[in-house]
Amino acid sequence: DSFDILGDGVKELLIGRDDGMLEVYNFESSDDPVLLYDHALSESIASIQGGCVGKDGYDEILACTYSGWLTGLTTEPIYREGGSGEELKLSQEMQSKISSLRSELESLQIKVLQEREKYQQSSQSSTAVSSVPAFSVNDKFTLNKDDASYSLILEVQTAIDNVLVQSDVPIDLLDVDKNSAVVSFSSCDSE
């Protein structure tokens, strides 16, 4: 998306990448884009949009991730500095926001406990039927021409416990910073 997030009259380029990087570029000072800001999310970004959403006068960048999480980055200051010995007083609006978020969090925690209890009861029933839920897999296998390697990216809307990679030819698995997996090697029986 292109949006004037800085409020200087020049639109910035907002980019959401498959690897979860959210980037803001500026074109004002040169012909080439200049990276102003970047933020790493834990999954690929499906869409990105700039606009005023939460509070009048403060622009935001909204990003929707692969699993449906909506993340917002705002220009609204989130803290205020106080002088020495001064107490920081929250405005009435901020206090109401905090109390609203606390009550929403408490109701969500109650709902989670109720659903867990319902699941436990149904799974221990003698008539319980177990089934694997259907889910879609977002996968990419791309060539990195800089170091002649391939990147395998797998995303699912549930936890991934194991991934089995089987190959007819010897392969080397390289670790990257974003990888949270524990790699284990085993040799196959040639037959």
Protein backbone atom coordinates (compact mmCIF):
# COMPACT_ATOMS: atom_id res chain seq x y z
CA ASP A 1 0.00 0.00 0.00
CA SER A 2 1.05 3.62 -0.32
CA PHE A 3 0.03 5.94 2.51
CA ASP A 4 1.32 9.16 4.09
CA ILE A 5 2.06 7.65 7.51
CA LEU A 6 4.48 10.46 8.46
CA GLY A 7 1.94 13.20 7.65
CA ASP A 8 4.47 15.18 5.58
CA GLY A 9 2.43 15.23 2.35
CA VAL A 10 4.48 12.48 0.66
CA LYS A 11 3.16 8.93 0.58
CA GLU A 12 5.36 6.16 1.95
CA LEU A 13 5.44 2.64 0.55
CA LEU A 14 4.11 0.01 2.99
CA ILE A 15 5.31 -3.52 2.28
CA GLY A 16 4.25 -6.79 3.93
CA ARG A 17 6.43 -9.76 3.04
CA ASP A 18 5.99 -13.53 3.03
CA ASP A 19 8.68 -13.88 5.67
CA GLY A 20 6.70 -11.70 8.11
CA MET A 21 8.68 -8.47 7.63
CA LEU A 22 6.66 -5.27 7.57
CA GLU A 23 8.62 -2.39 6.00
CA VAL A 24 8.01 1.33 5.45
CA TYR A 25 9.96 3.07 2.66
CA ASN A 26 10.23 6.81 1.87
CA PHE A 27 10.92 8.34 -1.57
CA GLU A 28 11.15 12.02 -0.60
CA SER A 29 14.90 12.58 -0.34
CA SER A 30 16.22 10.42 -3.21
CA ASP A 31 15.27 8.44 -6.29
CA ASP A 32 15.84 5.18 -4.46
CA PRO A 33 13.53 4.13 -1.64
CA VAL A 34 14.91 4.61 1.87
CA LEU A 35 13.91 2.14 4.60
CA LEU A 36 12.39 4.15 7.46
CA TYR A 37 11.02 1.39 9.65
CA ASP A 38 10.72 -2.38 9.78
CA HIS A 39 8.95 -4.76 12.13
CA ALA A 40 9.10 -8.56 12.18
CA LEU A 41 5.91 -10.57 12.62
CA SER A 42 5.90 -14.30 13.34
CA GLU A 43 4.08 -15.33 10.15
CA SER A 44 3.61 -14.20 6.56
CA ILE A 45 1.66 -11.03 5.88
CA ALA A 46 -1.36 -11.55 3.63
CA SER A 47 -2.36 -7.88 3.28
CA ILE A 48 -1.34 -4.42 4.49
CA GLN A 49 -3.17 -1.09 4.59
CA GLY A 50 -2.51 2.41 5.94
CA GLY A 51 -5.25 4.63 7.39
CA CYS A 52 -6.85 6.14 10.45
CA VAL A 53 -8.57 3.36 12.39
CA GLY A 54 -8.27 3.56 16.17
CA LYS A 55 -8.19 7.24 17.07
CA ASP A 56 -8.74 10.43 15.08
CA GLY A 57 -5.52 12.23 14.26
CA TYR A 58 -3.28 9.17 14.60
CA ASP A 59 -2.58 7.15 11.47
CA GLU A 60 -1.97 3.42 11.59
CA ILE A 61 -0.61 0.57 9.53
CA LEU A 62 -2.77 -2.57 9.65
CA ALA A 63 -1.40 -5.94 8.57
CA CYS A 64 -3.35 -9.19 8.29
CA THR A 65 -1.29 -12.35 8.66
CA TYR A 66 -1.74 -15.76 7.08
CA SER A 67 -3.66 -17.22 10.02
CA GLY A 68 -5.95 -14.18 10.26
CA TRP A 69 -4.29 -12.15 13.03
CA LEU A 70 -4.69 -8.42 12.60
CA THR A 71 -1.73 -6.33 13.76
CA GLY A 72 -1.79 -2.56 14.02
CA LEU A 73 1.11 -0.13 14.30
CA THR A 74 0.06 3.36 15.34
CA THR A 75 1.61 6.83 15.38
CA GLU A 76 -0.12 7.55 18.70
CA PRO A 77 2.44 7.95 21.50
CA ILE A 78 2.11 5.09 23.96
CA TYR A 79 3.98 6.71 26.83
CA ARG A 80 4.58 10.13 28.27
CA GLU A 81 7.62 11.38 30.07
CA GLY A 82 7.20 12.99 33.46
CA GLY A 83 9.57 15.31 35.24
CA SER A 84 11.43 14.33 38.38
CA GLY A 85 9.08 13.62 41.26
CA GLU A 86 5.95 13.98 39.11
CA GLU A 87 3.31 11.30 39.08
CA LEU A 88 2.15 10.15 35.70
CA LYS A 89 -1.60 10.58 35.51
CA LEU A 90 -3.59 8.67 32.94
CA SER A 91 -6.35 10.48 31.14
CA GLN A 92 -9.91 9.32 31.65
CA GLU A 93 -9.94 8.00 28.07
CA MET A 94 -6.80 5.91 28.67
CA GLN A 95 -8.17 4.55 31.96
CA SER A 96 -11.40 3.51 30.23
CA LYS A 97 -9.38 1.83 27.44
CA ILE A 98 -7.37 -0.13 30.00
CA SER A 99 -10.43 -1.21 31.95
CA SER A 100 -12.23 -2.20 28.73
CA LEU A 101 -9.23 -4.31 27.64
CA ARG A 102 -9.01 -5.95 31.07
CA SER A 103 -12.69 -6.91 31.04
CA GLU A 104 -12.39 -8.23 27.47
CA LEU A 105 -9.36 -10.30 28.48
CA GLU A 106 -11.19 -11.74 31.50
CA SER A 107 -14.21 -12.72 29.39
CA LEU A 108 -11.94 -14.38 26.81
CA GLN A 109 -10.16 -16.34 29.55
CA ILE A 110 -13.53 -17.54 30.87
CA LYS A 111 -14.57 -18.62 27.36
CA VAL A 112 -11.33 -20.54 26.88
CA LEU A 113 -11.81 -22.36 30.19
CA GLN A 114 -15.42 -23.24 29.26
CA GLU A 115 -14.37 -24.58 25.85
CA ARG A 116 -11.54 -26.62 27.37
CA GLU A 117 -13.93 -28.10 29.90
CA LYS A 118 -16.46 -28.91 27.17
CA TYR A 119 -13.73 -30.57 25.07
CA GLN A 120 -12.50 -32.62 28.05
CA GLN A 121 -16.03 -33.87 28.76
CA SER A 122 -16.72 -34.76 25.14
CA SER A 123 -13.36 -36.51 24.66
CA GLN A 124 -13.89 -38.70 27.73
CA SER A 125 -17.38 -39.71 26.67
CA SER A 126 -17.91 -43.31 25.53
CA THR A 127 -19.55 -42.06 22.33
CA ALA A 128 -16.74 -39.64 21.47
CA VAL A 129 -15.46 -39.74 17.91
CA SER A 130 -12.02 -38.37 17.16
CA SER A 131 -11.29 -36.69 13.87
CA VAL A 132 -8.42 -34.67 12.50
CA PRO A 133 -9.58 -31.15 11.61
CA ALA A 134 -9.04 -30.00 8.05
CA PHE A 135 -6.57 -27.17 7.63
CA SER A 136 -4.79 -25.55 4.74
CA VAL A 137 -1.03 -25.42 4.41
CA ASN A 138 0.77 -22.38 3.05
CA ASP A 139 3.98 -23.70 1.54
CA LYS A 140 6.77 -22.16 -0.53
CA PHE A 141 9.94 -23.72 -1.91
CA THR A 142 12.05 -20.99 -3.49
CA LEU A 143 15.58 -20.74 -4.86
CA ASN A 144 17.90 -18.23 -3.20
CA LYS A 145 20.24 -17.33 -6.04
CA ASP A 146 22.76 -15.55 -3.77
CA ASP A 147 23.95 -18.74 -2.04
CA ALA A 148 22.41 -21.41 -4.33
CA SER A 149 20.11 -22.76 -1.63
CA TYR A 150 16.40 -23.43 -1.45
CA SER A 151 14.11 -22.06 1.26
CA LEU A 152 11.26 -24.27 2.42
CA ILE A 153 8.59 -22.25 4.21
CA LEU A 154 5.62 -24.02 5.83
CA GLU A 155 2.75 -22.26 7.59
CA VAL A 156 -0.30 -23.88 9.12
CA GLN A 157 -3.01 -22.47 11.33
CA THR A 158 -2.09 -24.92 14.06
CA ALA A 159 1.12 -25.99 15.79
CA ILE A 160 3.56 -27.97 13.67
CA ASP A 161 5.03 -30.81 15.72
CA ASN A 162 7.03 -32.65 13.06
CA VAL A 163 8.04 -32.14 9.45
CA LEU A 164 9.56 -35.06 7.59
CA VAL A 165 11.75 -34.21 4.61
CA GLN A 166 12.65 -37.23 2.50
CA SER A 167 15.06 -37.03 -0.42
CA ASP A 168 16.55 -39.48 -2.94
CA VAL A 169 19.78 -37.45 -3.02
CA PRO A 170 21.92 -36.22 -0.12
CA ILE A 171 20.87 -32.80 1.17
CA ASP A 172 22.30 -30.35 3.69
CA LEU A 173 19.86 -28.57 5.97
CA LEU A 174 20.97 -25.06 6.89
CA ASP A 175 19.70 -23.26 9.96
CA VAL A 176 18.46 -19.67 9.73
CA ASP A 177 17.75 -17.08 12.41
CA LYS A 178 13.97 -17.22 12.01
CA ASN A 179 13.87 -21.01 12.28
CA SER A 180 12.49 -22.32 15.57
CA ALA A 181 12.78 -25.97 14.56
CA VAL A 182 15.12 -28.58 16.01
CA VAL A 183 16.76 -30.47 13.16
CA SER A 184 17.30 -34.23 13.44
CA PHE A 185 19.06 -36.32 10.79
CA SER A 186 18.55 -40.01 10.08
CA SER A 187 19.74 -42.13 7.21
CA CYS A 188 17.26 -44.04 5.09
CA ASP A 189 17.43 -47.68 4.18
CA SER A 190 18.33 -47.69 0.48
CA GLU A 191 15.72 -50.40 -0.15
